[in-house]
PDB file of all heavy atoms in Angstrom:
ATOM      1  N   ILE A   1       0.813  -1.208   0.012  1.00  0.00           N
ATOM      2  CA  ILE A   1       0.001  -0.026  -0.011  1.00  0.00           C
ATOM      3  C   ILE A   1       0.860   1.273   0.032  1.00  0.00           C
ATOM      4  O   ILE A   1       1.736   1.382   0.854  1.00  0.00           O
ATOM      5  CB  ILE A   1      -0.948   0.001   1.258  1.00  0.00           C
ATOM      6  CG1 ILE A   1      -1.636  -1.368   1.448  1.00  0.00           C
ATOM      7  CG2 ILE A   1      -1.924   1.163   1.077  1.00  0.00           C
ATOM      8  CD1 ILE A   1      -2.550  -1.728   0.283  1.00  0.00           C
ATOM      9  N   HIS A   2       0.656   2.132  -0.959  1.00  0.00           N
ATOM     10  CA  HIS A   2       1.523   3.346  -1.054  1.00  0.00           C
ATOM     11  C   HIS A   2       0.654   4.423  -1.626  1.00  0.00           C
ATOM     12  O   HIS A   2      -0.427   4.314  -2.071  1.00  0.00           O
ATOM     13  CB  HIS A   2       2.774   3.075  -1.960  1.00  0.00           C
ATOM     14  CG  HIS A   2       2.327   2.708  -3.373  1.00  0.00           C
ATOM     15  ND1 HIS A   2       2.029   3.707  -4.351  1.00  0.00           N
ATOM     16  CD2 HIS A   2       2.207   1.581  -3.981  1.00  0.00           C
ATOM     17  CE1 HIS A   2       1.757   3.155  -5.416  1.00  0.00           C
ATOM     18  NE2 HIS A   2       1.782   1.852  -5.301  1.00  0.00           N
ATOM     19  N   HIS A   3       1.226   5.609  -1.600  1.00  0.00           N
ATOM     20  CA  HIS A   3       0.533   6.780  -2.065  1.00  0.00           C
ATOM     21  C   HIS A   3       1.531   7.474  -3.070  1.00  0.00           C
ATOM     22  O   HIS A   3       1.658   8.700  -3.086  1.00  0.00           O
ATOM     23  CB  HIS A   3       0.213   7.764  -0.924  1.00  0.00           C
ATOM     24  CG  HIS A   3      -0.809   8.787  -1.310  1.00  0.00           C
ATOM     25  ND1 HIS A   3      -0.580   9.936  -1.952  1.00  0.00           N
ATOM     26  CD2 HIS A   3      -2.224   8.792  -1.131  1.00  0.00           C
ATOM     27  CE1 HIS A   3      -1.666  10.664  -2.125  1.00  0.00           C
ATOM     28  NE2 HIS A   3      -2.715   9.963  -1.701  1.00  0.00           N
ATOM     29  N   GLU A   4       2.077   6.660  -4.002  1.00  0.00           N
ATOM     30  CA  GLU A   4       3.052   7.162  -4.876  1.00  0.00           C
ATOM     31  C   GLU A   4       2.365   7.347  -6.241  1.00  0.00           C
ATOM     32  O   GLU A   4       1.322   6.874  -6.544  1.00  0.00           O
ATOM     33  CB  GLU A   4       4.221   6.249  -5.034  1.00  0.00           C
ATOM     34  CG  GLU A   4       4.936   5.975  -3.666  1.00  0.00           C
ATOM     35  CD  GLU A   4       5.914   4.794  -3.717  1.00  0.00           C
ATOM     36  OE1 GLU A   4       6.030   4.189  -4.804  1.00  0.00           O
ATOM     37  OE2 GLU A   4       6.455   4.500  -2.661  1.00  0.00           O
ATOM     38  N   GLU A   5       3.066   8.113  -7.171  1.00  0.00           N
ATOM     39  CA  GLU A   5       2.620   8.286  -8.507  1.00  0.00           C
ATOM     40  C   GLU A   5       3.332   7.197  -9.314  1.00  0.00           C
ATOM     41  O   GLU A   5       4.442   6.871  -9.063  1.00  0.00           O
ATOM     42  CB  GLU A   5       2.884   9.674  -9.005  1.00  0.00           C
ATOM     43  CG  GLU A   5       2.192  10.777  -8.210  1.00  0.00           C
ATOM     44  CD  GLU A   5       0.687  10.785  -8.412  1.00  0.00           C
ATOM     45  OE1 GLU A   5       0.248  10.076  -9.384  1.00  0.00           O
ATOM     46  OE2 GLU A   5      -0.017  11.348  -7.645  1.00  0.00           O
ATOM     47  N   PRO A   6       2.789   6.835 -10.465  1.00  0.00           N
ATOM     48  CA  PRO A   6       1.429   7.147 -10.932  1.00  0.00           C
ATOM     49  C   PRO A   6       0.361   6.354 -10.105  1.00  0.00           C
ATOM     50  O   PRO A   6       0.546   5.308  -9.653  1.00  0.00           O
ATOM     51  CB  PRO A   6       1.383   6.673 -12.323  1.00  0.00           C
ATOM     52  CG  PRO A   6       2.357   5.550 -12.474  1.00  0.00           C
ATOM     53  CD  PRO A   6       3.384   5.882 -11.447  1.00  0.00           C
ATOM     54  N   PHE A   7      -0.803   6.994 -10.053  1.00  0.00           N
ATOM     55  CA  PHE A   7      -1.957   6.416  -9.381  1.00  0.00           C
ATOM     56  C   PHE A   7      -2.373   5.154 -10.192  1.00  0.00           C
ATOM     57  O   PHE A   7      -2.478   5.237 -11.404  1.00  0.00           O
ATOM     58  CB  PHE A   7      -3.138   7.435  -9.408  1.00  0.00           C
ATOM     59  CG  PHE A   7      -4.373   6.902  -8.698  1.00  0.00           C
ATOM     60  CD1 PHE A   7      -4.393   6.164  -7.482  1.00  0.00           C
ATOM     61  CD2 PHE A   7      -5.617   7.115  -9.422  1.00  0.00           C
ATOM     62  CE1 PHE A   7      -5.536   5.757  -6.983  1.00  0.00           C
ATOM     63  CE2 PHE A   7      -6.801   6.676  -8.883  1.00  0.00           C
ATOM     64  CZ  PHE A   7      -6.797   5.978  -7.664  1.00  0.00           C
ATOM     65  N   ASP A   8      -2.639   3.958  -9.522  1.00  0.00           N
ATOM     66  CA  ASP A   8      -2.920   2.769 -10.237  1.00  0.00           C
ATOM     67  C   ASP A   8      -4.434   2.422 -10.226  1.00  0.00           C
ATOM     68  O   ASP A   8      -4.930   1.396 -10.700  1.00  0.00           O
ATOM     69  CB  ASP A   8      -2.284   1.588  -9.570  1.00  0.00           C
ATOM     70  CG  ASP A   8      -2.590   1.371  -8.086  1.00  0.00           C
ATOM     71  OD1 ASP A   8      -3.467   2.095  -7.636  1.00  0.00           O
ATOM     72  OD2 ASP A   8      -1.975   0.427  -7.447  1.00  0.00           O
ATOM     73  N   GLY A   9      -5.199   3.454  -9.771  1.00  0.00           N
ATOM     74  CA  GLY A   9      -6.690   3.288  -9.789  1.00  0.00           C
ATOM     75  C   GLY A   9      -7.297   2.681  -8.518  1.00  0.00           C
ATOM     76  O   GLY A   9      -8.490   2.552  -8.461  1.00  0.00           O
ATOM     77  N   HIS A  10      -6.477   2.109  -7.668  1.00  0.00           N
ATOM     78  CA  HIS A  10      -6.993   1.510  -6.477  1.00  0.00           C
ATOM     79  C   HIS A  10      -7.179   2.473  -5.297  1.00  0.00           C
ATOM     80  O   HIS A  10      -6.274   2.939  -4.730  1.00  0.00           O
ATOM     81  CB  HIS A  10      -6.011   0.441  -6.010  1.00  0.00           C
ATOM     82  CG  HIS A  10      -5.874  -0.768  -6.916  1.00  0.00           C
ATOM     83  ND1 HIS A  10      -5.133  -1.907  -6.623  1.00  0.00           N
ATOM     84  CD2 HIS A  10      -6.328  -0.929  -8.243  1.00  0.00           C
ATOM     85  CE1 HIS A  10      -5.208  -2.729  -7.628  1.00  0.00           C
ATOM     86  NE2 HIS A  10      -5.940  -2.160  -8.594  1.00  0.00           N
ATOM     87  N   PHE A  11      -8.469   2.653  -5.028  1.00  0.00           N
ATOM     88  CA  PHE A  11      -8.841   3.481  -3.762  1.00  0.00           C
ATOM     89  C   PHE A  11      -8.923   2.616  -2.589  1.00  0.00           C
ATOM     90  O   PHE A  11      -8.620   3.071  -1.437  1.00  0.00           O
ATOM     91  CB  PHE A  11     -10.202   4.125  -3.986  1.00  0.00           C
ATOM     92  CG  PHE A  11     -10.249   5.280  -4.951  1.00  0.00           C
ATOM     93  CD1 PHE A  11     -10.712   5.096  -6.201  1.00  0.00           C
ATOM     94  CD2 PHE A  11      -9.598   6.533  -4.668  1.00  0.00           C
ATOM     95  CE1 PHE A  11     -10.773   6.118  -7.181  1.00  0.00           C
ATOM     96  CE2 PHE A  11      -9.606   7.545  -5.544  1.00  0.00           C
ATOM     97  CZ  PHE A  11     -10.134   7.413  -6.840  1.00  0.00           C
ATOM     98  N   TRP A  12      -9.323   1.350  -2.694  1.00  0.00           N
ATOM     99  CA  TRP A  12      -9.636   0.473  -1.576  1.00  0.00           C
ATOM    100  C   TRP A  12      -8.928  -0.815  -1.600  1.00  0.00           C
ATOM    101  O   TRP A  12      -8.641  -1.368  -2.665  1.00  0.00           O
ATOM    102  CB  TRP A  12     -11.198   0.181  -1.649  1.00  0.00           C
ATOM    103  CG  TRP A  12     -12.019   1.359  -1.703  1.00  0.00           C
ATOM    104  CD1 TRP A  12     -12.562   2.033  -2.740  1.00  0.00           C
ATOM    105  CD2 TRP A  12     -12.580   2.107  -0.486  1.00  0.00           C
ATOM    106  NE1 TRP A  12     -13.308   3.123  -2.357  1.00  0.00           N
ATOM    107  CE2 TRP A  12     -13.365   3.170  -0.958  1.00  0.00           C
ATOM    108  CE3 TRP A  12     -12.415   1.862   0.871  1.00  0.00           C
ATOM    109  CZ2 TRP A  12     -13.962   4.044  -0.074  1.00  0.00           C
ATOM    110  CZ3 TRP A  12     -12.952   2.747   1.773  1.00  0.00           C
ATOM    111  CH2 TRP A  12     -13.745   3.841   1.153  1.00  0.00           C
ATOM    112  N   TYR A  13      -8.678  -1.291  -0.371  1.00  0.00           N
ATOM    113  CA  TYR A  13      -8.175  -2.665  -0.235  1.00  0.00           C
ATOM    114  C   TYR A  13      -9.023  -3.251   0.896  1.00  0.00           C
ATOM    115  O   TYR A  13      -9.093  -2.823   2.054  1.00  0.00           O
ATOM    116  CB  TYR A  13      -6.772  -2.707   0.193  1.00  0.00           C
ATOM    117  CG  TYR A  13      -5.782  -2.343  -0.947  1.00  0.00           C
ATOM    118  CD1 TYR A  13      -5.437  -1.100  -1.190  1.00  0.00           C
ATOM    119  CD2 TYR A  13      -5.386  -3.387  -1.844  1.00  0.00           C
ATOM    120  CE1 TYR A  13      -4.601  -0.737  -2.302  1.00  0.00           C
ATOM    121  CE2 TYR A  13      -4.566  -3.071  -2.904  1.00  0.00           C
ATOM    122  CZ  TYR A  13      -4.150  -1.735  -3.127  1.00  0.00           C
ATOM    123  OH  TYR A  13      -3.417  -1.421  -4.234  1.00  0.00           O
ATOM    124  N   PHE A  14      -9.790  -4.297   0.518  1.00  0.00           N
ATOM    125  CA  PHE A  14     -10.835  -4.819   1.331  1.00  0.00           C
ATOM    126  C   PHE A  14     -10.401  -6.175   2.070  1.00  0.00           C
ATOM    127  O   PHE A  14      -9.441  -6.810   1.588  1.00  0.00           O
ATOM    128  CB  PHE A  14     -12.100  -5.199   0.608  1.00  0.00           C
ATOM    129  CG  PHE A  14     -12.742  -3.989  -0.077  1.00  0.00           C
ATOM    130  CD1 PHE A  14     -12.485  -3.636  -1.386  1.00  0.00           C
ATOM    131  CD2 PHE A  14     -13.716  -3.184   0.691  1.00  0.00           C
ATOM    132  CE1 PHE A  14     -13.046  -2.514  -1.984  1.00  0.00           C
ATOM    133  CE2 PHE A  14     -14.327  -2.132   0.134  1.00  0.00           C
ATOM    134  CZ  PHE A  14     -13.918  -1.749  -1.300  1.00  0.00           C
ATOM    135  N   GLN A  15     -11.054  -6.454   3.100  1.00  0.00           N
ATOM    136  CA  GLN A  15     -10.920  -7.747   3.808  1.00  0.00           C
ATOM    137  C   GLN A  15     -12.311  -8.416   3.818  1.00  0.00           C
ATOM    138  O   GLN A  15     -13.335  -7.743   3.596  1.00  0.00           O
ATOM    139  CB  GLN A  15     -10.464  -7.572   5.245  1.00  0.00           C
ATOM    140  CG  GLN A  15      -8.948  -7.032   5.358  1.00  0.00           C
ATOM    141  CD  GLN A  15      -7.990  -8.061   4.863  1.00  0.00           C
ATOM    142  OE1 GLN A  15      -8.135  -9.265   4.924  1.00  0.00           O
ATOM    143  NE2 GLN A  15      -6.825  -7.563   4.312  1.00  0.00           N
ATOM    144  N   PRO A  16     -12.421  -9.682   4.145  1.00  0.00           N
ATOM    145  CA  PRO A  16     -13.796 -10.300   4.142  1.00  0.00           C
ATOM    146  C   PRO A  16     -14.815  -9.588   5.052  1.00  0.00           C
ATOM    147  O   PRO A  16     -15.889  -9.367   4.656  1.00  0.00           O
ATOM    148  CB  PRO A  16     -13.451 -11.710   4.637  1.00  0.00           C
ATOM    149  CG  PRO A  16     -12.125 -11.972   4.205  1.00  0.00           C
ATOM    150  CD  PRO A  16     -11.388 -10.675   4.238  1.00  0.00           C
ATOM    151  N   LYS A  17     -14.280  -9.111   6.261  1.00  0.00           N
ATOM    152  CA  LYS A  17     -15.224  -8.455   7.141  1.00  0.00           C
ATOM    153  C   LYS A  17     -15.714  -7.129   6.567  1.00  0.00           C
ATOM    154  O   LYS A  17     -16.894  -6.704   6.707  1.00  0.00           O
ATOM    155  CB  LYS A  17     -14.543  -8.221   8.462  1.00  0.00           C
ATOM    156  CG  LYS A  17     -15.548  -7.585   9.543  1.00  0.00           C
ATOM    157  CD  LYS A  17     -14.956  -7.518  10.938  1.00  0.00           C
ATOM    158  CE  LYS A  17     -15.915  -6.937  11.919  1.00  0.00           C
ATOM    159  NZ  LYS A  17     -15.403  -6.791  13.281  1.00  0.00           N
ATOM    160  N   SER A  18     -14.828  -6.398   5.784  1.00  0.00           N
ATOM    161  CA  SER A  18     -15.267  -5.146   5.242  1.00  0.00           C
ATOM    162  C   SER A  18     -16.265  -5.313   4.133  1.00  0.00           C
ATOM    163  O   SER A  18     -17.174  -4.524   4.006  1.00  0.00           O
ATOM    164  CB  SER A  18     -14.042  -4.312   4.780  1.00  0.00           C
ATOM    165  OG  SER A  18     -13.186  -5.092   3.885  1.00  0.00           O
ATOM    166  N   ILE A  19     -16.066  -6.443   3.386  1.00  0.00           N
ATOM    167  CA  ILE A  19     -17.110  -6.806   2.361  1.00  0.00           C
ATOM    168  C   ILE A  19     -18.435  -7.024   3.035  1.00  0.00           C
ATOM    169  O   ILE A  19     -19.541  -6.699   2.602  1.00  0.00           O
ATOM    170  CB  ILE A  19     -16.648  -7.934   1.524  1.00  0.00           C
ATOM    171  CG1 ILE A  19     -15.415  -7.380   0.616  1.00  0.00           C
ATOM    172  CG2 ILE A  19     -17.693  -8.418   0.522  1.00  0.00           C
ATOM    173  CD1 ILE A  19     -15.690  -6.247  -0.359  1.00  0.00           C
ATOM    174  N   GLU A  20     -18.361  -7.885   4.045  1.00  0.00           N
ATOM    175  CA  GLU A  20     -19.566  -8.185   4.781  1.00  0.00           C
ATOM    176  C   GLU A  20     -20.313  -7.103   5.300  1.00  0.00           C
ATOM    177  O   GLU A  20     -21.571  -6.916   5.214  1.00  0.00           O
ATOM    178  CB  GLU A  20     -19.184  -9.233   5.919  1.00  0.00           C
ATOM    179  CG  GLU A  20     -20.381  -9.825   6.623  1.00  0.00           C
ATOM    180  CD  GLU A  20     -20.026 -10.899   7.598  1.00  0.00           C
ATOM    181  OE1 GLU A  20     -18.932 -10.735   8.221  1.00  0.00           O
ATOM    182  OE2 GLU A  20     -20.704 -11.860   7.735  1.00  0.00           O
ATOM    183  N   GLU A  21     -19.547  -6.091   5.876  1.00  0.00           N
ATOM    184  CA  GLU A  21     -20.159  -4.933   6.415  1.00  0.00           C
ATOM    185  C   GLU A  21     -20.746  -3.955   5.328  1.00  0.00           C
ATOM    186  O   GLU A  21     -21.805  -3.417   5.438  1.00  0.00           O
ATOM    187  CB  GLU A  21     -19.183  -4.137   7.182  1.00  0.00           C
ATOM    188  CG  GLU A  21     -18.688  -4.870   8.505  1.00  0.00           C
ATOM    189  CD  GLU A  21     -19.810  -4.749   9.608  1.00  0.00           C
ATOM    190  OE1 GLU A  21     -20.779  -3.868   9.478  1.00  0.00           O
ATOM    191  OE2 GLU A  21     -19.780  -5.472  10.568  1.00  0.00           O
ATOM    192  N   LEU A  22     -19.957  -3.856   4.233  1.00  0.00           N
ATOM    193  CA  LEU A  22     -20.341  -2.956   3.126  1.00  0.00           C
ATOM    194  C   LEU A  22     -21.699  -3.401   2.577  1.00  0.00           C
ATOM    195  O   LEU A  22     -22.531  -2.552   2.214  1.00  0.00           O
ATOM    196  CB  LEU A  22     -19.285  -2.854   2.081  1.00  0.00           C
ATOM    197  CG  LEU A  22     -19.630  -2.073   0.813  1.00  0.00           C
ATOM    198  CD1 LEU A  22     -19.840  -0.660   1.138  1.00  0.00           C
ATOM    199  CD2 LEU A  22     -18.445  -2.314  -0.232  1.00  0.00           C
ATOM    200  N   PHE A  23     -21.837  -4.677   2.328  1.00  0.00           N
ATOM    201  CA  PHE A  23     -23.076  -5.200   1.601  1.00  0.00           C
ATOM    202  C   PHE A  23     -24.222  -5.555   2.634  1.00  0.00           C
ATOM    203  O   PHE A  23     -25.200  -6.071   2.128  1.00  0.00           O
ATOM    204  CB  PHE A  23     -22.685  -6.331   0.801  1.00  0.00           C
ATOM    205  CG  PHE A  23     -21.878  -6.075  -0.411  1.00  0.00           C
ATOM    206  CD1 PHE A  23     -20.528  -5.930  -0.396  1.00  0.00           C
ATOM    207  CD2 PHE A  23     -22.541  -5.716  -1.660  1.00  0.00           C
ATOM    208  CE1 PHE A  23     -19.764  -5.569  -1.634  1.00  0.00           C
ATOM    209  CE2 PHE A  23     -21.890  -5.412  -2.845  1.00  0.00           C
ATOM    210  CZ  PHE A  23     -20.526  -5.270  -2.779  1.00  0.00           C
ATOM    211  N   LYS A  24     -24.023  -5.337   3.871  1.00  0.00           N
ATOM    212  CA  LYS A  24     -24.998  -5.740   4.908  1.00  0.00           C
ATOM    213  C   LYS A  24     -26.324  -5.220   4.578  1.00  0.00           C
ATOM    214  O   LYS A  24     -26.581  -4.026   4.246  1.00  0.00           O
ATOM    215  CB  LYS A  24     -24.572  -5.294   6.264  1.00  0.00           C
ATOM    216  CG  LYS A  24     -25.408  -5.761   7.309  1.00  0.00           C
ATOM    217  CD  LYS A  24     -24.933  -5.239   8.753  1.00  0.00           C
ATOM    218  CE  LYS A  24     -23.648  -5.896   9.122  1.00  0.00           C
ATOM    219  NZ  LYS A  24     -23.271  -5.343  10.502  1.00  0.00           N
ATOM    220  N   GLY A  25     -27.319  -6.079   4.616  1.00  0.00           N
ATOM    221  CA  GLY A  25     -28.772  -5.703   4.388  1.00  0.00           C
ATOM    222  C   GLY A  25     -29.136  -5.747   2.904  1.00  0.00           C
ATOM    223  O   GLY A  25     -30.262  -5.681   2.566  1.00  0.00           O
ATOM    224  N   GLN A  26     -28.159  -5.926   2.025  1.00  0.00           N
ATOM    225  CA  GLN A  26     -28.390  -5.980   0.572  1.00  0.00           C
ATOM    226  C   GLN A  26     -28.057  -7.328  -0.018  1.00  0.00           C
ATOM    227  O   GLN A  26     -28.729  -7.944  -0.698  1.00  0.00           O
ATOM    228  CB  GLN A  26     -27.639  -4.835  -0.160  1.00  0.00           C
ATOM    229  CG  GLN A  26     -27.880  -3.459   0.395  1.00  0.00           C
ATOM    230  CD  GLN A  26     -29.187  -2.881  -0.026  1.00  0.00           C
ATOM    231  OE1 GLN A  26     -29.828  -3.328  -0.948  1.00  0.00           O
ATOM    232  NE2 GLN A  26     -29.657  -1.911   0.704  1.00  0.00           N
ATOM    233  N   PHE A  27     -26.887  -7.767   0.347  1.00  0.00           N
ATOM    234  CA  PHE A  27     -26.326  -9.107   0.022  1.00  0.00           C
ATOM    235  C   PHE A  27     -25.646  -9.771   1.246  1.00  0.00           C
ATOM    236  O   PHE A  27     -25.165  -9.143   2.107  1.00  0.00           O
ATOM    237  CB  PHE A  27     -25.214  -8.903  -1.127  1.00  0.00           C
ATOM    238  CG  PHE A  27     -25.751  -8.550  -2.388  1.00  0.00           C
ATOM    239  CD1 PHE A  27     -25.897  -7.160  -2.717  1.00  0.00           C
ATOM    240  CD2 PHE A  27     -26.052  -9.435  -3.429  1.00  0.00           C
ATOM    241  CE1 PHE A  27     -26.320  -6.780  -3.907  1.00  0.00           C
ATOM    242  CE2 PHE A  27     -26.474  -9.036  -4.693  1.00  0.00           C
ATOM    243  CZ  PHE A  27     -26.675  -7.666  -4.918  1.00  0.00           C
ATOM    244  N   LYS A  28     -25.723 -11.073   1.227  1.00  0.00           N
ATOM    245  CA  LYS A  28     -25.036 -11.857   2.252  1.00  0.00           C
ATOM    246  C   LYS A  28     -23.754 -12.490   1.721  1.00  0.00           C
ATOM    247  O   LYS A  28     -23.854 -13.131   0.646  1.00  0.00           O
ATOM    248  CB  LYS A  28     -25.984 -12.968   2.874  1.00  0.00           C
ATOM    249  CG  LYS A  28     -25.377 -13.705   3.898  1.00  0.00           C
ATOM    250  CD  LYS A  28     -26.356 -14.846   4.409  1.00  0.00           C
ATOM    251  CE  LYS A  28     -25.774 -15.648   5.578  1.00  0.00           C
ATOM    252  NZ  LYS A  28     -26.577 -16.711   5.997  1.00  0.00           N
ATOM    253  N   LEU A  29     -22.681 -12.375   2.429  1.00  0.00           N
ATOM    254  CA  LEU A  29     -21.499 -12.958   2.002  1.00  0.00           C
ATOM    255  C   LEU A  29     -21.512 -14.440   2.418  1.00  0.00           C
ATOM    256  O   LEU A  29     -21.523 -14.802   3.560  1.00  0.00           O
ATOM    257  CB  LEU A  29     -20.304 -12.352   2.729  1.00  0.00           C
ATOM    258  CG  LEU A  29     -18.859 -12.871   2.464  1.00  0.00           C
ATOM    259  CD1 LEU A  29     -18.516 -12.738   0.974  1.00  0.00           C
ATOM    260  CD2 LEU A  29     -17.786 -12.167   3.277  1.00  0.00           C
ATOM    261  N   VAL A  30     -21.694 -15.302   1.407  1.00  0.00           N
ATOM    262  CA  VAL A  30     -21.750 -16.738   1.708  1.00  0.00           C
ATOM    263  C   VAL A  30     -20.515 -17.544   1.611  1.00  0.00           C
ATOM    264  O   VAL A  30     -20.409 -18.649   2.165  1.00  0.00           O
ATOM    265  CB  VAL A  30     -22.871 -17.409   0.711  1.00  0.00           C
ATOM    266  CG1 VAL A  30     -24.193 -16.811   0.959  1.00  0.00           C
ATOM    267  CG2 VAL A  30     -22.398 -17.284  -0.771  1.00  0.00           C
ATOM    268  N   GLU A  31     -19.489 -16.989   0.875  1.00  0.00           N
ATOM    269  CA  GLU A  31     -18.183 -17.710   0.807  1.00  0.00           C
ATOM    270  C   GLU A  31     -17.116 -16.750   0.334  1.00  0.00           C
ATOM    271  O   GLU A  31     -17.443 -15.841  -0.473  1.00  0.00           O
ATOM    272  CB  GLU A  31     -18.180 -18.903  -0.103  1.00  0.00           C
ATOM    273  CG  GLU A  31     -16.906 -19.668  -0.078  1.00  0.00           C
ATOM    274  CD  GLU A  31     -16.979 -21.015  -0.867  1.00  0.00           C
ATOM    275  OE1 GLU A  31     -18.040 -21.326  -1.559  1.00  0.00           O
ATOM    276  OE2 GLU A  31     -15.907 -21.685  -0.812  1.00  0.00           O
ATOM    277  N   TYR A  32     -15.944 -16.874   0.876  1.00  0.00           N
ATOM    278  CA  TYR A  32     -14.803 -16.117   0.371  1.00  0.00           C
ATOM    279  C   TYR A  32     -13.564 -17.034   0.466  1.00  0.00           C
ATOM    280  O   TYR A  32     -13.471 -17.953   1.280  1.00  0.00           O
ATOM    281  CB  TYR A  32     -14.516 -14.817   1.087  1.00  0.00           C
ATOM    282  CG  TYR A  32     -14.169 -15.033   2.511  1.00  0.00           C
ATOM    283  CD1 TYR A  32     -12.845 -15.111   2.931  1.00  0.00           C
ATOM    284  CD2 TYR A  32     -15.138 -15.068   3.587  1.00  0.00           C
ATOM    285  CE1 TYR A  32     -12.433 -15.353   4.234  1.00  0.00           C
ATOM    286  CE2 TYR A  32     -14.776 -15.169   4.909  1.00  0.00           C
ATOM    287  CZ  TYR A  32     -13.433 -15.398   5.222  1.00  0.00           C
ATOM    288  OH  TYR A  32     -12.978 -15.490   6.537  1.00  0.00           O
ATOM    289  N   PHE A  33     -12.561 -16.703  -0.450  1.00  0.00           N
ATOM    290  CA  PHE A  33     -11.396 -17.469  -0.318  1.00  0.00           C
ATOM    291  C   PHE A  33     -10.251 -16.643  -0.986  1.00  0.00           C
ATOM    292  O   PHE A  33     -10.443 -15.740  -1.788  1.00  0.00           O
ATOM    293  CB  PHE A  33     -11.469 -18.865  -1.006  1.00  0.00           C
ATOM    294  CG  PHE A  33     -12.144 -18.857  -2.321  1.00  0.00           C
ATOM    295  CD1 PHE A  33     -11.557 -18.649  -3.561  1.00  0.00           C
ATOM    296  CD2 PHE A  33     -13.544 -19.104  -2.382  1.00  0.00           C
ATOM    297  CE1 PHE A  33     -12.189 -18.619  -4.718  1.00  0.00           C
ATOM    298  CE2 PHE A  33     -14.218 -19.119  -3.600  1.00  0.00           C
ATOM    299  CZ  PHE A  33     -13.533 -18.881  -4.757  1.00  0.00           C
ATOM    300  N   HIS A  34      -9.034 -17.050  -0.672  1.00  0.00           N
ATOM    301  CA  HIS A  34      -7.853 -16.293  -1.150  1.00  0.00           C
ATOM    302  C   HIS A  34      -7.254 -17.085  -2.201  1.00  0.00           C
ATOM    303  O   HIS A  34      -7.162 -18.324  -2.211  1.00  0.00           O
ATOM    304  CB  HIS A  34      -6.809 -16.052   0.079  1.00  0.00           C
ATOM    305  CG  HIS A  34      -7.357 -15.240   1.133  1.00  0.00           C
ATOM    306  ND1 HIS A  34      -8.232 -15.709   2.113  1.00  0.00           N
ATOM    307  CD2 HIS A  34      -7.105 -13.849   1.387  1.00  0.00           C
ATOM    308  CE1 HIS A  34      -8.453 -14.687   2.921  1.00  0.00           C
ATOM    309  NE2 HIS A  34      -7.851 -13.661   2.582  1.00  0.00           N
ATOM    310  N   LEU A  35      -6.723 -16.381  -3.223  1.00  0.00           N
ATOM    311  CA  LEU A  35      -6.027 -16.924  -4.307  1.00  0.00           C
ATOM    312  C   LEU A  35      -4.624 -16.332  -4.432  1.00  0.00           C
ATOM    313  O   LEU A  35      -4.474 -15.120  -4.168  1.00  0.00           O
ATOM    314  CB  LEU A  35      -6.837 -16.770  -5.692  1.00  0.00           C
ATOM    315  CG  LEU A  35      -8.108 -17.428  -5.736  1.00  0.00           C
ATOM    316  CD1 LEU A  35      -8.735 -17.131  -7.088  1.00  0.00           C
ATOM    317  CD2 LEU A  35      -8.018 -18.941  -5.605  1.00  0.00           C
ATOM    318  N   GLY A  36      -3.630 -17.155  -4.790  1.00  0.00           N
ATOM    319  CA  GLY A  36      -2.285 -16.632  -4.892  1.00  0.00           C
ATOM    320  C   GLY A  36      -2.074 -15.769  -6.139  1.00  0.00           C
ATOM    321  O   GLY A  36      -2.905 -15.692  -7.015  1.00  0.00           O
ATOM    322  N   PRO A  37      -0.928 -15.252  -6.283  1.00  0.00           N
ATOM    323  CA  PRO A  37      -0.574 -14.435  -7.471  1.00  0.00           C
ATOM    324  C   PRO A  37      -0.719 -15.322  -8.798  1.00  0.00           C
ATOM    325  O   PRO A  37      -0.362 -16.471  -8.739  1.00  0.00           O
ATOM    326  CB  PRO A  37       0.929 -14.022  -7.200  1.00  0.00           C
ATOM    327  CG  PRO A  37       1.105 -14.204  -5.749  1.00  0.00           C
ATOM    328  CD  PRO A  37       0.299 -15.269  -5.248  1.00  0.00           C
ATOM    329  N   ARG A  38      -1.082 -14.636  -9.824  1.00  0.00           N
ATOM    330  CA  ARG A  38      -1.182 -15.184 -11.109  1.00  0.00           C
ATOM    331  C   ARG A  38      -2.259 -16.376 -11.195  1.00  0.00           C
ATOM    332  O   ARG A  38      -2.118 -17.213 -12.130  1.00  0.00           O
ATOM    333  CB  ARG A  38       0.194 -15.645 -11.717  1.00  0.00           C
ATOM    334  CG  ARG A  38       1.046 -14.552 -11.909  1.00  0.00           C
ATOM    335  CD  ARG A  38       2.501 -14.942 -12.277  1.00  0.00           C
ATOM    336  NE  ARG A  38       3.148 -15.598 -11.192  1.00  0.00           N
ATOM    337  CZ  ARG A  38       3.772 -14.951 -10.167  1.00  0.00           C
ATOM    338  NH1 ARG A  38       3.687 -13.608 -10.158  1.00  0.00           N
ATOM    339  NH2 ARG A  38       4.347 -15.606  -9.205  1.00  0.00           N
ATOM    340  N   MET A  39      -3.113 -16.459 -10.276  1.00  0.00           N
ATOM    341  CA  MET A  39      -4.231 -17.365 -10.352  1.00  0.00           C
ATOM    342  C   MET A  39      -5.406 -16.709 -11.099  1.00  0.00           C
ATOM    343  O   MET A  39      -5.945 -17.339 -12.119  1.00  0.00           O
ATOM    344  CB  MET A  39      -4.766 -17.813  -8.979  1.00  0.00           C
ATOM    345  CG  MET A  39      -3.769 -18.780  -8.302  1.00  0.00           C
ATOM    346  SD  MET A  39      -3.702 -20.378  -9.115  1.00  0.00           S
ATOM    347  CE  MET A  39      -5.389 -20.986  -8.730  1.00  0.00           C
ATOM    348  N   VAL A  40      -5.736 -15.584 -10.663  1.00  0.00           N
ATOM    349  CA  VAL A  40      -6.844 -14.744 -11.385  1.00  0.00           C
ATOM    350  C   VAL A  40      -6.338 -13.415 -11.759  1.00  0.00           C
ATOM    351  O   VAL A  40      -6.617 -12.871 -12.767  1.00  0.00           O
ATOM    352  CB  VAL A  40      -8.110 -14.696 -10.524  1.00  0.00           C
ATOM    353  CG1 VAL A  40      -9.099 -13.757 -11.199  1.00  0.00           C
ATOM    354  CG2 VAL A  40      -8.644 -15.990 -10.287  1.00  0.00           C
TER     355      VAL A  40
END
């Protein structure tokens, strides 16, 4: 995480709990998993 130029377009870095909180009342987080580099 840095604040250097050039800006890469990323405002946010989420965790599962932050996604759960953000979507609360609209969507339910039913599964999450981590993938390593160059998987997706």
